[in-house]
Amino acid sequence: MRSVADTFREDDARHLESLSPAERVEAALRLGRRSIAVYAAYNDVSEEEAALVLRRNNARGRVASRCISDCLG
């Protein structure tokens, strides 16, 4: 039996497939801005601080790429 969530996921996937690459990028950026706004409102911080916290949380545990370091000099 299919769930409502499955139906929504499939609808979203079909919608994204119909978008141009530029429209997909804009949709991703919009989603990111919305995430920042929601985090800021929920935690009672500015959107700038929310973006910084989310960026730090995303980078936590990552190791710098030696390949990129070598390429950039």
Protein backbone atom coordinates (compact mmCIF):
# COMPACT_ATOMS: atom_id res chain seq x y z
CA MET A 1 0.00 0.00 0.00
CA ARG A 2 1.34 3.40 -0.99
CA SER A 3 1.48 6.14 1.59
CA VAL A 4 0.60 9.78 1.17
CA ALA A 5 4.30 10.58 1.65
CA ASP A 6 5.17 8.29 -1.29
CA THR A 7 2.69 10.13 -3.48
CA PHE A 8 4.09 13.53 -2.47
CA ARG A 9 7.67 12.34 -3.09
CA GLU A 10 6.78 11.11 -6.57
CA ASP A 11 4.91 14.33 -7.37
CA ASP A 12 7.89 16.40 -6.23
CA ALA A 13 10.28 14.29 -8.31
CA ARG A 14 8.11 14.69 -11.42
CA HIS A 15 7.89 18.42 -10.85
CA LEU A 16 11.67 18.78 -10.45
CA GLU A 17 12.27 16.75 -13.61
CA SER A 18 10.12 19.21 -15.55
CA LEU A 19 12.27 22.19 -14.49
CA SER A 20 15.21 23.58 -16.39
CA PRO A 21 18.63 23.40 -14.69
CA ALA A 22 18.42 27.11 -13.81
CA GLU A 23 14.99 26.59 -12.26
CA ARG A 24 16.30 23.64 -10.23
CA VAL A 25 19.14 25.77 -8.89
CA GLU A 26 16.68 28.52 -7.95
CA ALA A 27 14.46 25.96 -6.20
CA ALA A 28 17.43 24.66 -4.21
CA LEU A 29 18.46 28.18 -3.22
CA ARG A 30 14.89 28.96 -2.19
CA LEU A 31 14.83 25.84 -0.03
CA GLY A 32 18.09 26.88 1.62
CA ARG A 33 16.79 30.39 2.33
CA ARG A 34 13.63 28.91 3.83
CA SER A 35 15.67 26.59 6.05
CA ILE A 36 17.69 29.53 7.33
CA ALA A 37 14.55 31.56 8.03
CA VAL A 38 12.90 28.67 9.90
CA TYR A 39 16.04 28.01 11.96
CA ALA A 40 16.36 31.73 12.78
CA ALA A 41 12.73 32.02 13.86
CA TYR A 42 12.78 28.84 15.92
CA ASN A 43 16.04 29.74 17.70
CA ASP A 44 15.33 33.50 17.98
CA VAL A 45 18.51 34.53 16.16
CA SER A 46 19.18 36.66 13.10
CA GLU A 47 19.19 35.02 9.68
CA GLU A 48 22.90 35.82 9.36
CA GLU A 49 23.65 33.98 12.60
CA ALA A 50 21.38 31.11 11.58
CA ALA A 51 23.24 30.76 8.27
CA LEU A 52 26.59 30.72 10.10
CA VAL A 53 25.42 28.06 12.57
CA LEU A 54 23.98 25.87 9.83
CA ARG A 55 27.14 26.23 7.73
CA ARG A 56 29.31 25.27 10.74
CA ASN A 57 27.09 22.29 11.56
CA ASN A 58 27.27 21.11 7.97
CA ALA A 59 31.08 21.34 7.95
CA ARG A 60 31.55 19.60 11.31
CA GLY A 61 33.56 16.43 10.95
CA ARG A 62 34.72 17.12 7.41
CA VAL A 63 38.36 16.88 6.50
CA ALA A 64 39.98 19.37 4.19
CA SER A 65 40.64 18.00 0.70
CA ARG A 66 44.32 17.62 -0.08
CA CYS A 67 43.50 17.58 -3.79
CA ILE A 68 41.81 20.98 -3.59
CA SER A 69 44.63 22.36 -1.45
CA ASP A 70 47.20 21.19 -4.01
CA CYS A 71 45.21 22.63 -6.92
CA LEU A 72 44.74 26.01 -5.24
CA GLY A 73 48.40 26.24 -4.27
